[in-house]
């Protein structure tokens, strides 16, 4: 699956422009999603230096940067759609601002990695 993951309020506590403390289970679940073969997109309002800081933080936490797109569609999706779209395409969006709020990383793990 393609999974879009928000950063502030989802991976870390909201402290923008700083980077907050990691939310429990975030890094472990993101790594497990990568290990299970899912393709991930860091889907965030951060841009410029703030996006670079978030990416650096994820790398320092051990997330594979070669298996993480940054605020853009994956190349095969662009090709399949005949061009890029403004909305990032994903099968699943993990975000604290979704309807009902963010269920937490334990719930994400249970829903997406039940067989892992």
PDB file of N, CA and C in Angstrom:
ATOM      1  N   UNK A   1       0.830  -1.193   0.000  1.00  0.00           N
ATOM      2  CA  UNK A   1       0.000   0.000   0.000  1.00  0.00           C
ATOM      3  C   UNK A   1       0.872   1.254   0.000  1.00  0.00           C
ATOM      4  N   UNK A   2       0.307   2.319  -0.469  1.00  0.00           N
ATOM      5  CA  UNK A   2       0.917   3.644  -0.331  1.00  0.00           C
ATOM      6  C   UNK A   2       0.262   4.288   0.885  1.00  0.00           C
ATOM      7  N   UNK A   3       1.091   4.731   1.828  1.00  0.00           N
ATOM      8  CA  UNK A   3       0.582   5.296   3.078  1.00  0.00           C
ATOM      9  C   UNK A   3       1.157   6.696   3.262  1.00  0.00           C
ATOM     10  N   UNK A   4       0.275   7.691   3.339  1.00  0.00           N
ATOM     11  CA  UNK A   4       0.679   9.075   3.588  1.00  0.00           C
ATOM     12  C   UNK A   4       0.632   9.323   5.093  1.00  0.00           C
ATOM     13  N   UNK A   5       1.741   9.820   5.626  1.00  0.00           N
ATOM     14  CA  UNK A   5       1.867  10.024   7.067  1.00  0.00           C
ATOM     15  C   UNK A   5       2.136  11.496   7.349  1.00  0.00           C
ATOM     16  N   UNK A   6       1.274  12.107   8.144  1.00  0.00           N
ATOM     17  CA  UNK A   6       1.479  13.479   8.599  1.00  0.00           C
ATOM     18  C   UNK A   6       2.617  13.489   9.623  1.00  0.00           C
ATOM     19  N   UNK A   7       3.176  14.650   9.892  1.00  0.00           N
ATOM     20  CA  UNK A   7       4.295  14.740  10.838  1.00  0.00           C
ATOM     21  C   UNK A   7       3.871  15.343  12.175  1.00  0.00           C
ATOM     22  N   UNK A   8       3.587  16.643  12.196  1.00  0.00           N
ATOM     23  CA  UNK A   8       3.253  17.319  13.461  1.00  0.00           C
ATOM     24  C   UNK A   8       1.896  16.857  13.979  1.00  0.00           C
ATOM     25  N   UNK A   9       1.881  16.385  15.210  1.00  0.00           N
ATOM     26  CA  UNK A   9       0.640  15.900  15.810  1.00  0.00           C
ATOM     27  C   UNK A   9       0.366  14.444  15.497  1.00  0.00           C
ATOM     28  N   UNK A  10       1.176  13.845  14.635  1.00  0.00           N
ATOM     29  CA  UNK A  10       0.996  12.444  14.254  1.00  0.00           C
ATOM     30  C   UNK A  10       2.252  11.640  14.571  1.00  0.00           C
ATOM     31  N   UNK A  11       3.388  12.072  14.054  1.00  0.00           N
ATOM     32  CA  UNK A  11       4.664  11.422  14.388  1.00  0.00           C
ATOM     33  C   UNK A  11       5.234  12.003  15.684  1.00  0.00           C
ATOM     34  N   UNK A  12       5.079  13.310  15.828  1.00  0.00           N
ATOM     35  CA  UNK A  12       5.599  14.024  17.003  1.00  0.00           C
ATOM     36  C   UNK A  12       4.507  14.947  17.541  1.00  0.00           C
ATOM     37  N   UNK A  13       4.695  15.385  18.787  1.00  0.00           N
ATOM     38  CA  UNK A  13       3.780  16.362  19.375  1.00  0.00           C
ATOM     39  C   UNK A  13       3.833  17.655  18.574  1.00  0.00           C
ATOM     40  N   UNK A  14       2.725  18.405  18.560  1.00  0.00           N
ATOM     41  CA  UNK A  14       2.710  19.712  17.886  1.00  0.00           C
ATOM     42  C   UNK A  14       3.614  20.686  18.631  1.00  0.00           C
ATOM     43  N   UNK A  15       4.683  21.120  17.969  1.00  0.00           N
ATOM     44  CA  UNK A  15       5.583  22.137  18.529  1.00  0.00           C
ATOM     45  C   UNK A  15       6.117  23.025  17.414  1.00  0.00           C
ATOM     46  N   UNK A  16       5.452  22.995  16.227  1.00  0.00           N
ATOM     47  CA  UNK A  16       5.938  23.735  15.071  1.00  0.00           C
ATOM     48  C   UNK A  16       6.210  25.180  15.450  1.00  0.00           C
ATOM     49  N   UNK A  17       7.328  25.747  15.042  1.00  0.00           N
ATOM     50  CA  UNK A  17       8.267  25.254  14.035  1.00  0.00           C
ATOM     51  C   UNK A  17       9.301  24.272  14.578  1.00  0.00           C
ATOM     52  N   UNK A  18       9.318  24.066  15.902  1.00  0.00           N
ATOM     53  CA  UNK A  18      10.237  23.077  16.458  1.00  0.00           C
ATOM     54  C   UNK A  18       9.684  21.679  16.210  1.00  0.00           C
ATOM     55  N   UNK A  19      10.476  20.687  16.528  1.00  0.00           N
ATOM     56  CA  UNK A  19      10.032  19.301  16.432  1.00  0.00           C
ATOM     57  C   UNK A  19       9.745  18.813  17.840  1.00  0.00           C
ATOM     58  N   UNK A  20       8.504  18.386  18.055  1.00  0.00           N
ATOM     59  CA  UNK A  20       8.089  17.921  19.370  1.00  0.00           C
ATOM     60  C   UNK A  20       8.628  16.544  19.687  1.00  0.00           C
ATOM     61  N   UNK A  21       8.268  16.072  20.851  1.00  0.00           N
ATOM     62  CA  UNK A  21       8.657  14.721  21.276  1.00  0.00           C
ATOM     63  C   UNK A  21       7.923  13.692  20.421  1.00  0.00           C
ATOM     64  N   UNK A  22       8.565  12.563  20.136  1.00  0.00           N
ATOM     65  CA  UNK A  22       7.894  11.535  19.334  1.00  0.00           C
ATOM     66  C   UNK A  22       6.671  10.986  20.062  1.00  0.00           C
ATOM     67  N   UNK A  23       5.624  10.723  19.326  1.00  0.00           N
ATOM     68  CA  UNK A  23       4.443  10.103  19.909  1.00  0.00           C
ATOM     69  C   UNK A  23       4.719   8.617  20.105  1.00  0.00           C
ATOM     70  N   UNK A  24       4.201   8.035  21.177  1.00  0.00           N
ATOM     71  CA  UNK A  24       4.487   6.630  21.478  1.00  0.00           C
ATOM     72  C   UNK A  24       4.136   5.701  20.310  1.00  0.00           C
ATOM     73  N   UNK A  25       5.117   4.902  19.927  1.00  0.00           N
ATOM     74  CA  UNK A  25       4.921   3.910  18.884  1.00  0.00           C
ATOM     75  C   UNK A  25       5.097   4.406  17.469  1.00  0.00           C
ATOM     76  N   UNK A  26       5.295   5.713  17.271  1.00  0.00           N
ATOM     77  CA  UNK A  26       5.357   6.266  15.915  1.00  0.00           C
ATOM     78  C   UNK A  26       6.506   5.671  15.113  1.00  0.00           C
ATOM     79  N   UNK A  27       7.706   5.798  15.610  1.00  0.00           N
ATOM     80  CA  UNK A  27       8.873   5.352  14.848  1.00  0.00           C
ATOM     81  C   UNK A  27       8.843   3.843  14.646  1.00  0.00           C
ATOM     82  N   UNK A  28       8.527   3.109  15.675  1.00  0.00           N
ATOM     83  CA  UNK A  28       8.485   1.645  15.562  1.00  0.00           C
ATOM     84  C   UNK A  28       7.478   1.199  14.517  1.00  0.00           C
ATOM     85  N   UNK A  29       6.321   1.852  14.490  1.00  0.00           N
ATOM     86  CA  UNK A  29       5.287   1.477  13.523  1.00  0.00           C
ATOM     87  C   UNK A  29       5.672   1.886  12.112  1.00  0.00           C
ATOM     88  N   UNK A  30       6.240   3.068  11.952  1.00  0.00           N
ATOM     89  CA  UNK A  30       6.673   3.519  10.627  1.00  0.00           C
ATOM     90  C   UNK A  30       7.729   2.564  10.075  1.00  0.00           C
ATOM     91  N   UNK A  31       8.701   2.182  10.902  1.00  0.00           N
ATOM     92  CA  UNK A  31       9.719   1.223  10.463  1.00  0.00           C
ATOM     93  C   UNK A  31       9.085  -0.120  10.095  1.00  0.00           C
ATOM     94  N   UNK A  32       8.133  -0.570  10.900  1.00  0.00           N
ATOM     95  CA  UNK A  32       7.464  -1.842  10.628  1.00  0.00           C
ATOM     96  C   UNK A  32       6.674  -1.775   9.322  1.00  0.00           C
ATOM     97  N   UNK A  33       6.047  -0.628   9.041  1.00  0.00           N
ATOM     98  CA  UNK A  33       5.334  -0.455   7.776  1.00  0.00           C
ATOM     99  C   UNK A  33       6.305  -0.547   6.608  1.00  0.00           C
ATOM    100  N   UNK A  34       7.447   0.107   6.737  1.00  0.00           N
ATOM    101  CA  UNK A  34       8.467   0.010   5.689  1.00  0.00           C
ATOM    102  C   UNK A  34       8.949  -1.429   5.533  1.00  0.00           C
ATOM    103  N   UNK A  35       9.234  -2.089   6.642  1.00  0.00           N
ATOM    104  CA  UNK A  35       9.717  -3.470   6.600  1.00  0.00           C
ATOM    105  C   UNK A  35       8.697  -4.410   5.961  1.00  0.00           C
ATOM    106  N   UNK A  36       7.419  -4.083   6.109  1.00  0.00           N
ATOM    107  CA  UNK A  36       6.348  -4.904   5.529  1.00  0.00           C
ATOM    108  C   UNK A  36       6.153  -4.620   4.040  1.00  0.00           C
ATOM    109  N   UNK A  37       6.933  -3.672   3.502  1.00  0.00           N
ATOM    110  CA  UNK A  37       6.884  -3.401   2.068  1.00  0.00           C
ATOM    111  C   UNK A  37       5.968  -2.262   1.653  1.00  0.00           C
ATOM    112  N   UNK A  38       5.386  -1.563   2.615  1.00  0.00           N
ATOM    113  CA  UNK A  38       4.534  -0.427   2.273  1.00  0.00           C
ATOM    114  C   UNK A  38       5.408   0.754   1.850  1.00  0.00           C
ATOM    115  N   UNK A  39       4.889   1.542   0.915  1.00  0.00           N
ATOM    116  CA  UNK A  39       5.583   2.744   0.458  1.00  0.00           C
ATOM    117  C   UNK A  39       4.975   3.937   1.177  1.00  0.00           C
ATOM    118  N   UNK A  40       5.833   4.787   1.730  1.00  0.00           N
ATOM    119  CA  UNK A  40       5.367   5.869   2.579  1.00  0.00           C
ATOM    120  C   UNK A  40       5.650   7.228   1.967  1.00  0.00           C
ATOM    121  N   UNK A  41       4.743   8.168   2.266  1.00  0.00           N
ATOM    122  CA  UNK A  41       4.892   9.562   1.868  1.00  0.00           C
ATOM    123  C   UNK A  41       4.803  10.404   3.133  1.00  0.00           C
ATOM    124  N   UNK A  42       5.820  11.223   3.385  1.00  0.00           N
ATOM    125  CA  UNK A  42       5.702  12.198   4.456  1.00  0.00           C
ATOM    126  C   UNK A  42       4.811  13.303   3.911  1.00  0.00           C
ATOM    127  N   UNK A  43       3.623  13.412   4.473  1.00  0.00           N
ATOM    128  CA  UNK A  43       2.557  14.286   3.981  1.00  0.00           C
ATOM    129  C   UNK A  43       2.314  15.347   5.050  1.00  0.00           C
ATOM    130  N   UNK A  44       2.906  16.515   4.859  1.00  0.00           N
ATOM    131  CA  UNK A  44       2.928  17.518   5.911  1.00  0.00           C
ATOM    132  C   UNK A  44       2.819  18.918   5.327  1.00  0.00           C
ATOM    133  N   UNK A  45       2.414  19.864   6.160  1.00  0.00           N
ATOM    134  CA  UNK A  45       2.406  21.267   5.744  1.00  0.00           C
ATOM    135  C   UNK A  45       3.800  21.865   5.806  1.00  0.00           C
ATOM    136  N   UNK A  46       4.732  21.165   6.422  1.00  0.00           N
ATOM    137  CA  UNK A  46       6.108  21.671   6.483  1.00  0.00           C
ATOM    138  C   UNK A  46       6.679  21.783   5.076  1.00  0.00           C
ATOM    139  N   UNK A  47       7.504  22.800   4.890  1.00  0.00           N
ATOM    140  CA  UNK A  47       8.199  22.965   3.617  1.00  0.00           C
ATOM    141  C   UNK A  47       9.525  23.648   3.892  1.00  0.00           C
ATOM    142  N   UNK A  48      10.366  23.707   2.873  1.00  0.00           N
ATOM    143  CA  UNK A  48      11.663  24.351   3.012  1.00  0.00           C
ATOM    144  C   UNK A  48      12.480  23.745   4.130  1.00  0.00           C
ATOM    145  N   UNK A  49      13.099  24.622   4.924  1.00  0.00           N
ATOM    146  CA  UNK A  49      13.972  24.166   6.004  1.00  0.00           C
ATOM    147  C   UNK A  49      13.212  23.311   7.022  1.00  0.00           C
ATOM    148  N   UNK A  50      11.945  23.603   7.241  1.00  0.00           N
ATOM    149  CA  UNK A  50      11.162  22.842   8.213  1.00  0.00           C
ATOM    150  C   UNK A  50      10.907  21.415   7.739  1.00  0.00           C
ATOM    151  N   UNK A  51      10.713  21.242   6.437  1.00  0.00           N
ATOM    152  CA  UNK A  51      10.554  19.908   5.872  1.00  0.00           C
ATOM    153  C   UNK A  51      11.872  19.138   5.972  1.00  0.00           C
ATOM    154  N   UNK A  52      12.986  19.822   5.678  1.00  0.00           N
ATOM    155  CA  UNK A  52      14.302  19.182   5.787  1.00  0.00           C
ATOM    156  C   UNK A  52      14.563  18.730   7.221  1.00  0.00           C
ATOM    157  N   UNK A  53      14.164  19.551   8.197  1.00  0.00           N
ATOM    158  CA  UNK A  53      14.356  19.187   9.603  1.00  0.00           C
ATOM    159  C   UNK A  53      13.543  17.947   9.963  1.00  0.00           C
ATOM    160  N   UNK A  54      12.313  17.872   9.485  1.00  0.00           N
ATOM    161  CA  UNK A  54      11.472  16.701   9.755  1.00  0.00           C
ATOM    162  C   UNK A  54      12.076  15.456   9.115  1.00  0.00           C
ATOM    163  N   UNK A  55      12.543  15.585   7.885  1.00  0.00           N
ATOM    164  CA  UNK A  55      13.164  14.463   7.186  1.00  0.00           C
ATOM    165  C   UNK A  55      14.431  14.020   7.917  1.00  0.00           C
ATOM    166  N   UNK A  56      15.239  14.971   8.317  1.00  0.00           N
ATOM    167  CA  UNK A  56      16.468  14.653   9.065  1.00  0.00           C
ATOM    168  C   UNK A  56      16.127  13.926  10.361  1.00  0.00           C
ATOM    169  N   UNK A  57      15.109  14.403  11.051  1.00  0.00           N
ATOM    170  CA  UNK A  57      14.705  13.779  12.307  1.00  0.00           C
ATOM    171  C   UNK A  57      14.294  12.322  12.075  1.00  0.00           C
ATOM    172  N   UNK A  58      13.479  12.082  11.049  1.00  0.00           N
ATOM    173  CA  UNK A  58      13.060  10.709  10.744  1.00  0.00           C
ATOM    174  C   UNK A  58      14.273   9.831  10.435  1.00  0.00           C
ATOM    175  N   UNK A  59      15.215  10.349   9.664  1.00  0.00           N
ATOM    176  CA  UNK A  59      16.425   9.579   9.331  1.00  0.00           C
ATOM    177  C   UNK A  59      17.222   9.265  10.587  1.00  0.00           C
ATOM    178  N   UNK A  60      17.366  10.256  11.470  1.00  0.00           N
ATOM    179  CA  UNK A  60      18.101  10.032  12.722  1.00  0.00           C
ATOM    180  C   UNK A  60      17.417   8.988  13.596  1.00  0.00           C
ATOM    181  N   UNK A  61      16.099   8.863  13.442  1.00  0.00           N
ATOM    182  CA  UNK A  61      15.349   7.866  14.205  1.00  0.00           C
ATOM    183  C   UNK A  61      15.386   6.489  13.538  1.00  0.00           C
ATOM    184  N   UNK A  62      16.046   6.404  12.389  1.00  0.00           N
ATOM    185  CA  UNK A  62      16.216   5.113  11.733  1.00  0.00           C
ATOM    186  C   UNK A  62      15.229   4.789  10.637  1.00  0.00           C
ATOM    187  N   UNK A  63      14.405   5.768  10.236  1.00  0.00           N
ATOM    188  CA  UNK A  63      13.468   5.553   9.138  1.00  0.00           C
ATOM    189  C   UNK A  63      14.247   5.616   7.825  1.00  0.00           C
ATOM    190  N   UNK A  64      14.001   4.666   6.932  1.00  0.00           N
ATOM    191  CA  UNK A  64      14.726   4.566   5.672  1.00  0.00           C
ATOM    192  C   UNK A  64      14.311   5.695   4.723  1.00  0.00           C
ATOM    193  N   UNK A  65      15.205   6.664   4.461  1.00  0.00           N
ATOM    194  CA  UNK A  65      14.838   7.801   3.602  1.00  0.00           C
ATOM    195  C   UNK A  65      14.633   7.397   2.142  1.00  0.00           C
ATOM    196  N   UNK A  66      15.172   6.263   1.736  1.00  0.00           N
ATOM    197  CA  UNK A  66      14.998   5.818   0.353  1.00  0.00           C
ATOM    198  C   UNK A  66      13.622   5.218   0.126  1.00  0.00           C
ATOM    199  N   UNK A  67      12.886   4.984   1.198  1.00  0.00           N
ATOM    200  CA  UNK A  67      11.542   4.420   1.099  1.00  0.00           C
ATOM    201  C   UNK A  67      10.525   5.412   1.657  1.00  0.00           C
ATOM    202  N   UNK A  68      10.763   6.714   1.421  1.00  0.00           N
ATOM    203  CA  UNK A  68       9.882   7.753   1.955  1.00  0.00           C
ATOM    204  C   UNK A  68       9.863   8.926   0.991  1.00  0.00           C
ATOM    205  N   UNK A  69       8.754   9.167   0.311  1.00  0.00           N
ATOM    206  CA  UNK A  69       8.609  10.349  -0.536  1.00  0.00           C
ATOM    207  C   UNK A  69       8.275  11.548   0.353  1.00  0.00           C
ATOM    208  N   UNK A  70       8.573  12.742  -0.120  1.00  0.00           N
ATOM    209  CA  UNK A  70       8.337  13.950   0.669  1.00  0.00           C
ATOM    210  C   UNK A  70       7.316  14.853  -0.007  1.00  0.00           C
ATOM    211  N   UNK A  71       6.107  14.891   0.522  1.00  0.00           N
ATOM    212  CA  UNK A  71       5.061  15.807   0.054  1.00  0.00           C
ATOM    213  C   UNK A  71       4.803  15.724  -1.441  1.00  0.00           C
ATOM    214  N   UNK A  72       4.962  14.549  -2.018  1.00  0.00           N
ATOM    215  CA  UNK A  72       4.685  14.416  -3.453  1.00  0.00           C
ATOM    216  C   UNK A  72       4.264  12.989  -3.763  1.00  0.00           C
ATOM    217  N   UNK A  73       3.621  12.874  -4.899  1.00  0.00           N
ATOM    218  CA  UNK A  73       3.199  11.554  -5.353  1.00  0.00           C
ATOM    219  C   UNK A  73       4.408  10.709  -5.748  1.00  0.00           C
ATOM    220  N   UNK A  74       4.255   9.418  -5.613  1.00  0.00           N
ATOM    221  CA  UNK A  74       5.292   8.495  -6.060  1.00  0.00           C
ATOM    222  C   UNK A  74       5.325   8.503  -7.586  1.00  0.00           C
ATOM    223  N   UNK A  75       6.507   8.320  -8.183  1.00  0.00           N
ATOM    224  CA  UNK A  75       6.636   8.411  -9.645  1.00  0.00           C
ATOM    225  C   UNK A  75       5.688   7.494 -10.423  1.00  0.00           C
ATOM    226  N   UNK A  76       5.454   6.279  -9.958  1.00  0.00           N
ATOM    227  CA  UNK A  76       4.567   5.383 -10.695  1.00  0.00           C
ATOM    228  C   UNK A  76       3.113   5.858 -10.642  1.00  0.00           C
ATOM    229  N   UNK A  77       2.733   6.551  -9.581  1.00  0.00           N
ATOM    230  CA  UNK A  77       1.386   7.109  -9.475  1.00  0.00           C
ATOM    231  C   UNK A  77       1.229   8.250 -10.476  1.00  0.00           C
ATOM    232  N   UNK A  78       2.246   9.098 -10.581  1.00  0.00           N
ATOM    233  CA  UNK A  78       2.214  10.205 -11.545  1.00  0.00           C
ATOM    234  C   UNK A  78       2.057   9.646 -12.952  1.00  0.00           C
ATOM    235  N   UNK A  79       2.819   8.617 -13.273  1.00  0.00           N
ATOM    236  CA  UNK A  79       2.736   8.006 -14.597  1.00  0.00           C
ATOM    237  C   UNK A  79       1.351   7.401 -14.845  1.00  0.00           C
ATOM    238  N   UNK A  80       0.838   6.684 -13.858  1.00  0.00           N
ATOM    239  CA  UNK A  80      -0.467   6.037 -13.995  1.00  0.00           C
ATOM    240  C   UNK A  80      -1.591   7.047 -14.183  1.00  0.00           C
ATOM    241  N   UNK A  81      -1.486   8.201 -13.527  1.00  0.00           N
ATOM    242  CA  UNK A  81      -2.530   9.221 -13.608  1.00  0.00           C
ATOM    243  C   UNK A  81      -2.337  10.162 -14.793  1.00  0.00           C
ATOM    244  N   UNK A  82      -1.270   9.991 -15.536  1.00  0.00           N
ATOM    245  CA  UNK A  82      -1.023  10.843 -16.684  1.00  0.00           C
ATOM    246  C   UNK A  82      -0.521  12.217 -16.313  1.00  0.00           C
ATOM    247  N   UNK A  83       0.043  12.345 -15.143  1.00  0.00           N
ATOM    248  CA  UNK A  83       0.580  13.610 -14.664  1.00  0.00           C
ATOM    249  C   UNK A  83       0.427  13.700 -13.162  1.00  0.00           C
ATOM    250  N   UNK A  84       1.024  14.718 -12.593  1.00  0.00           N
ATOM    251  CA  UNK A  84       0.947  14.882 -11.142  1.00  0.00           C
ATOM    252  C   UNK A  84      -0.383  15.528 -10.762  1.00  0.00           C
ATOM    253  N   UNK A  85      -0.776  15.339  -9.546  1.00  0.00           N
ATOM    254  CA  UNK A  85      -2.003  15.934  -9.027  1.00  0.00           C
ATOM    255  C   UNK A  85      -1.660  16.772  -7.806  1.00  0.00           C
ATOM    256  N   UNK A  86      -2.511  17.704  -7.486  1.00  0.00           N
ATOM    257  CA  UNK A  86      -2.272  18.524  -6.293  1.00  0.00           C
ATOM    258  C   UNK A  86      -2.416  17.712  -5.023  1.00  0.00           C
ATOM    259  N   UNK A  87      -3.333  16.770  -5.019  1.00  0.00           N
ATOM    260  CA  UNK A  87      -3.539  15.926  -3.846  1.00  0.00           C
ATOM    261  C   UNK A  87      -2.604  14.729  -3.917  1.00  0.00           C
ATOM    262  N   UNK A  88      -1.927  14.459  -2.819  1.00  0.00           N
ATOM    263  CA  UNK A  88      -1.067  13.284  -2.752  1.00  0.00           C
ATOM    264  C   UNK A  88      -1.955  12.053  -2.727  1.00  0.00           C
ATOM    265  N   UNK A  89      -1.694  11.122  -3.650  1.00  0.00           N
ATOM    266  CA  UNK A  89      -2.481   9.896  -3.705  1.00  0.00           C
ATOM    267  C   UNK A  89      -1.889   8.869  -2.747  1.00  0.00           C
ATOM    268  N   UNK A  90      -2.752   8.266  -1.937  1.00  0.00           N
ATOM    269  CA  UNK A  90      -2.355   7.180  -1.044  1.00  0.00           C
ATOM    270  C   UNK A  90      -3.551   6.267  -0.839  1.00  0.00           C
ATOM    271  N   UNK A  91      -3.267   5.049  -0.414  1.00  0.00           N
ATOM    272  CA  UNK A  91      -4.333   4.116  -0.044  1.00  0.00           C
ATOM    273  C   UNK A  91      -4.847   4.419   1.352  1.00  0.00           C
ATOM    274  N   UNK A  92      -3.959   4.950   2.199  1.00  0.00           N
ATOM    275  CA  UNK A  92      -4.292   5.268   3.592  1.00  0.00           C
ATOM    276  C   UNK A  92      -3.615   6.585   3.951  1.00  0.00           C
ATOM    277  N   UNK A  93      -4.325   7.432   4.705  1.00  0.00           N
ATOM    278  CA  UNK A  93      -3.782   8.694   5.204  1.00  0.00           C
ATOM    279  C   UNK A  93      -3.785   8.636   6.732  1.00  0.00           C
ATOM    280  N   UNK A  94      -2.621   8.805   7.328  1.00  0.00           N
ATOM    281  CA  UNK A  94      -2.505   8.801   8.790  1.00  0.00           C
ATOM    282  C   UNK A  94      -2.258  10.241   9.223  1.00  0.00           C
ATOM    283  N   UNK A  95      -3.247  10.827   9.914  1.00  0.00           N
ATOM    284  CA  UNK A  95      -3.201  12.251  10.215  1.00  0.00           C
ATOM    285  C   UNK A  95      -4.015  12.538  11.471  1.00  0.00           C
ATOM    286  N   UNK A  96      -3.511  13.436  12.305  1.00  0.00           N
ATOM    287  CA  UNK A  96      -4.239  13.813  13.515  1.00  0.00           C
ATOM    288  C   UNK A  96      -5.452  14.676  13.219  1.00  0.00           C
ATOM    289  N   UNK A  97      -5.549  15.208  12.014  1.00  0.00           N
ATOM    290  CA  UNK A  97      -6.658  16.108  11.673  1.00  0.00           C
ATOM    291  C   UNK A  97      -7.790  15.400  10.931  1.00  0.00           C
ATOM    292  N   UNK A  98      -7.763  14.086  10.878  1.00  0.00           N
ATOM    293  CA  UNK A  98      -8.843  13.401  10.162  1.00  0.00           C
ATOM    294  C   UNK A  98     -10.117  13.398  11.002  1.00  0.00           C
ATOM    295  N   UNK A  99     -11.210  13.087  10.396  1.00  0.00           N
ATOM    296  CA  UNK A  99     -12.490  13.037  11.095  1.00  0.00           C
ATOM    297  C   UNK A  99     -12.410  11.969  12.175  1.00  0.00           C
ATOM    298  N   UNK A 100     -12.648  12.358  13.397  1.00  0.00           N
ATOM    299  CA  UNK A 100     -12.542  11.425  14.507  1.00  0.00           C
ATOM    300  C   UNK A 100     -11.196  11.484  15.207  1.00  0.00           C
ATOM    301  N   UNK A 101     -10.236  12.208  14.615  1.00  0.00           N
ATOM    302  CA  UNK A 101      -8.926  12.356  15.236  1.00  0.00           C
ATOM    303  C   UNK A 101      -8.006  11.176  14.989  1.00  0.00           C
ATOM    304  N   UNK A 102      -6.797  11.295  15.440  1.00  0.00           N
ATOM    305  CA  UNK A 102      -5.784  10.264  15.275  1.00  0.00           C
ATOM    306  C   UNK A 102      -6.001   9.178  16.321  1.00  0.00           C
ATOM    307  N   UNK A 103      -6.127   7.920  15.893  1.00  0.00           N
ATOM    308  CA  UNK A 103      -6.418   6.848  16.849  1.00  0.00           C
ATOM    309  C   UNK A 103      -5.214   6.396  17.658  1.00  0.00           C
ATOM    310  N   UNK A 104      -4.014   6.843  17.313  1.00  0.00           N
ATOM    311  CA  UNK A 104      -2.798   6.416  18.002  1.00  0.00           C
ATOM    312  C   UNK A 104      -2.102   5.318  17.216  1.00  0.00           C
ATOM    313  N   UNK A 105      -0.801   5.169  17.468  1.00  0.00           N
ATOM    314  CA  UNK A 105       0.012   4.240  16.690  1.00  0.00           C
ATOM    315  C   UNK A 105      -0.293   2.778  16.985  1.00  0.00           C
ATOM    316  N   UNK A 106      -0.769   2.474  18.193  1.00  0.00           N
ATOM    317  CA  UNK A 106      -1.166   1.080  18.467  1.00  0.00           C
ATOM    318  C   UNK A 106      -2.322   0.669  17.565  1.00  0.00           C
ATOM    319  N   UNK A 107      -3.276   1.573  17.373  1.00  0.00           N
ATOM    320  CA  UNK A 107      -4.417   1.290  16.503  1.00  0.00           C
ATOM    321  C   UNK A 107      -3.965   1.187  15.046  1.00  0.00           C
ATOM    322  N   UNK A 108      -3.052   2.067  14.624  1.00  0.00           N
ATOM    323  CA  UNK A 108      -2.521   1.999  13.250  1.00  0.00           C
ATOM    324  C   UNK A 108      -1.847   0.661  13.035  1.00  0.00           C
ATOM    325  N   UNK A 109      -1.020   0.255  13.989  1.00  0.00           N
ATOM    326  CA  UNK A 109      -0.329  -1.030  13.889  1.00  0.00           C
ATOM    327  C   UNK A 109      -1.337  -2.180  13.780  1.00  0.00           C
ATOM    328  N   UNK A 110      -2.361  -2.148  14.613  1.00  0.00           N
ATOM    329  CA  UNK A 110      -3.357  -3.209  14.604  1.00  0.00           C
ATOM    330  C   UNK A 110      -4.113  -3.268  13.261  1.00  0.00           C
ATOM    331  N   UNK A 111      -4.407  -2.088  12.702  1.00  0.00           N
ATOM    332  CA  UNK A 111      -5.163  -2.058  11.438  1.00  0.00           C
ATOM    333  C   UNK A 111      -4.319  -2.433  10.239  1.00  0.00           C
ATOM    334  N   UNK A 112      -3.064  -1.986  10.193  1.00  0.00           N
ATOM    335  CA  UNK A 112      -2.266  -2.136   8.987  1.00  0.00           C
ATOM    336  C   UNK A 112      -1.233  -3.268   9.052  1.00  0.00           C
ATOM    337  N   UNK A 113      -0.932  -3.717  10.250  1.00  0.00           N
ATOM    338  CA  UNK A 113       0.084  -4.751  10.387  1.00  0.00           C
ATOM    339  C   UNK A 113      -0.429  -5.960  11.164  1.00  0.00           C
ATOM    340  N   UNK A 114      -1.705  -6.225  11.046  1.00  0.00           N
ATOM    341  CA  UNK A 114      -2.317  -7.312  11.811  1.00  0.00           C
ATOM    342  C   UNK A 114      -1.648  -8.653  11.549  1.00  0.00           C
ATOM    343  N   UNK A 115      -1.183  -8.861  10.323  1.00  0.00           N
ATOM    344  CA  UNK A 115      -0.572 -10.141   9.963  1.00  0.00           C
ATOM    345  C   UNK A 115       0.941 -10.125  10.113  1.00  0.00           C
ATOM    346  N   UNK A 116       1.505  -8.957  10.418  1.00  0.00           N
ATOM    347  CA  UNK A 116       2.971  -8.854  10.472  1.00  0.00           C
ATOM    348  C   UNK A 116       3.501  -9.294  11.825  1.00  0.00           C
TER     349      UNK A 116
END
